[in-house]
């Protein structure tokens, strides 16, 4: 298997981020019985909570939500009214997916360990 370059790896993370954002919005609606996913920002749902019957937790913040499993595994952090990720959200997503075993570790470990390398690749993509 050929090792992808840093830009290819970041592009793959961006694509995965969009897929997970869509999944997360549907997941919130279904598991919290919301009319719209952004309803999680209303007062009864604000804060940090477990999502009953699942291994997932969420934390609301400003105009967004962070969904994850324990120990910073899986999930995604996004803002409802900003459809595209920023560099911080991508980095957080990368770490969560890496910790959850969803990424090829030998490909992504260098990007996690070398912040300059990550920032250079992201700057060319985002």
Protein backbone atom coordinates (compact mmCIF):
# COMPACT_ATOMS: atom_id res chain seq x y z
CA UNK A 1 0.00 0.00 0.00
CA UNK A 2 1.44 3.35 -1.07
CA UNK A 3 1.71 5.99 1.65
CA UNK A 4 -0.44 9.03 0.83
CA UNK A 5 1.20 12.45 1.02
CA UNK A 6 0.18 14.94 3.71
CA UNK A 7 -2.23 16.84 1.48
CA UNK A 8 -3.99 13.62 0.46
CA UNK A 9 -4.29 12.68 4.13
CA UNK A 10 -5.79 16.05 5.05
CA UNK A 11 -8.21 15.90 2.10
CA UNK A 12 -9.36 12.49 3.33
CA UNK A 13 -9.89 13.93 6.83
CA UNK A 14 -11.92 16.81 5.37
CA UNK A 15 -14.17 14.38 3.48
CA UNK A 16 -14.59 12.25 6.59
CA UNK A 17 -15.38 15.37 8.65
CA UNK A 18 -18.32 16.23 6.34
CA UNK A 19 -19.61 12.65 6.50
CA UNK A 20 -19.43 12.67 10.29
CA UNK A 21 -21.09 16.08 10.54
CA UNK A 22 -24.06 14.73 8.59
CA UNK A 23 -24.11 11.58 10.72
CA UNK A 24 -23.93 13.62 13.94
CA UNK A 25 -26.84 15.86 13.01
CA UNK A 26 -29.04 12.85 12.26
CA UNK A 27 -27.81 11.04 15.38
CA UNK A 28 -28.75 13.99 17.59
CA UNK A 29 -32.21 14.28 16.05
CA UNK A 30 -32.95 10.59 16.46
CA UNK A 31 -31.44 10.01 19.90
CA UNK A 32 -32.64 13.20 21.57
CA UNK A 33 -35.99 13.41 19.74
CA UNK A 34 -35.19 16.84 18.32
CA UNK A 35 -37.14 18.48 15.51
CA UNK A 36 -33.91 19.98 14.19
CA UNK A 37 -30.36 19.10 15.25
CA UNK A 38 -29.62 22.71 16.22
CA UNK A 39 -32.41 22.50 18.82
CA UNK A 40 -29.72 20.97 21.04
CA UNK A 41 -28.58 24.56 21.62
CA UNK A 42 -31.78 25.34 23.52
CA UNK A 43 -31.66 25.63 27.30
CA UNK A 44 -32.84 22.13 28.32
CA UNK A 45 -30.02 20.51 26.33
CA UNK A 46 -27.16 22.95 27.04
CA UNK A 47 -24.08 21.66 28.81
CA UNK A 48 -22.41 18.27 28.99
CA UNK A 49 -24.60 15.14 28.87
CA UNK A 50 -24.53 11.46 28.03
CA UNK A 51 -26.78 10.28 25.22
CA UNK A 52 -28.94 7.60 26.81
CA UNK A 53 -28.66 4.07 25.48
CA UNK A 54 -25.41 4.85 23.64
CA UNK A 55 -21.72 5.16 24.43
CA UNK A 56 -21.77 8.80 23.28
CA UNK A 57 -21.60 12.14 25.10
CA UNK A 58 -22.18 15.67 23.92
CA UNK A 59 -21.18 19.13 25.04
CA UNK A 60 -22.81 22.25 23.66
CA UNK A 61 -20.74 25.38 23.10
CA UNK A 62 -21.67 28.70 21.56
CA UNK A 63 -23.31 27.78 18.26
CA UNK A 64 -22.08 24.21 18.14
CA UNK A 65 -21.71 20.83 19.74
CA UNK A 66 -18.93 18.36 20.49
CA UNK A 67 -19.99 14.70 20.25
CA UNK A 68 -17.58 12.01 21.43
CA UNK A 69 -17.04 8.74 23.22
CA UNK A 70 -15.04 8.54 26.48
CA UNK A 71 -11.30 9.25 26.36
CA UNK A 72 -11.60 11.66 23.41
CA UNK A 73 -12.49 8.88 20.98
CA UNK A 74 -14.65 9.18 17.89
CA UNK A 75 -17.13 11.90 17.19
CA UNK A 76 -16.88 15.44 15.93
CA UNK A 77 -16.99 19.07 17.06
CA UNK A 78 -18.83 21.47 14.75
CA UNK A 79 -20.84 24.69 14.60
CA UNK A 80 -24.37 24.46 13.24
CA UNK A 81 -24.24 27.69 11.28
CA UNK A 82 -20.82 27.18 9.74
CA UNK A 83 -20.91 24.29 7.27
CA UNK A 84 -17.14 24.05 6.82
CA UNK A 85 -14.50 23.02 9.35
CA UNK A 86 -11.78 25.32 10.58
CA UNK A 87 -8.25 24.09 11.18
CA UNK A 88 -8.85 23.55 14.91
CA UNK A 89 -11.97 21.44 14.28
CA UNK A 90 -10.09 19.33 11.75
CA UNK A 91 -7.21 18.76 14.15
CA UNK A 92 -9.61 17.78 16.94
CA UNK A 93 -11.46 15.47 14.55
CA UNK A 94 -8.19 13.88 13.42
CA UNK A 95 -7.18 13.11 17.01
CA UNK A 96 -10.61 11.71 17.94
CA UNK A 97 -10.72 9.44 14.90
CA UNK A 98 -7.11 8.35 15.45
CA UNK A 99 -7.81 7.55 19.12
CA UNK A 100 -10.88 5.57 18.07
CA UNK A 101 -8.84 3.42 15.68
CA UNK A 102 -10.64 4.72 12.59
CA UNK A 103 -7.49 5.86 10.78
CA UNK A 104 -4.39 4.06 9.53
CA UNK A 105 -2.03 4.92 12.37
CA UNK A 106 1.19 4.71 10.39
CA UNK A 107 -0.18 7.30 7.93
CA UNK A 108 -1.64 9.77 10.41
CA UNK A 109 0.75 9.48 13.37
CA UNK A 110 3.34 11.81 11.77
CA UNK A 111 0.68 14.50 11.29
CA UNK A 112 -0.41 14.20 14.90
CA UNK A 113 3.15 14.27 16.24
CA UNK A 114 4.42 17.14 14.07
CA UNK A 115 2.17 20.18 14.41
CA UNK A 116 4.13 22.19 11.81
CA UNK A 117 3.67 19.42 9.28
CA UNK A 118 -0.08 19.34 10.04
CA UNK A 119 -0.42 23.13 9.77
CA UNK A 120 1.46 23.23 6.46
CA UNK A 121 -0.78 20.58 4.92
CA UNK A 122 -4.00 22.12 6.26
CA UNK A 123 -3.00 25.57 4.97
CA UNK A 124 -2.88 24.11 1.45
CA UNK A 125 -6.29 22.47 1.77
CA UNK A 126 -8.56 24.67 3.90
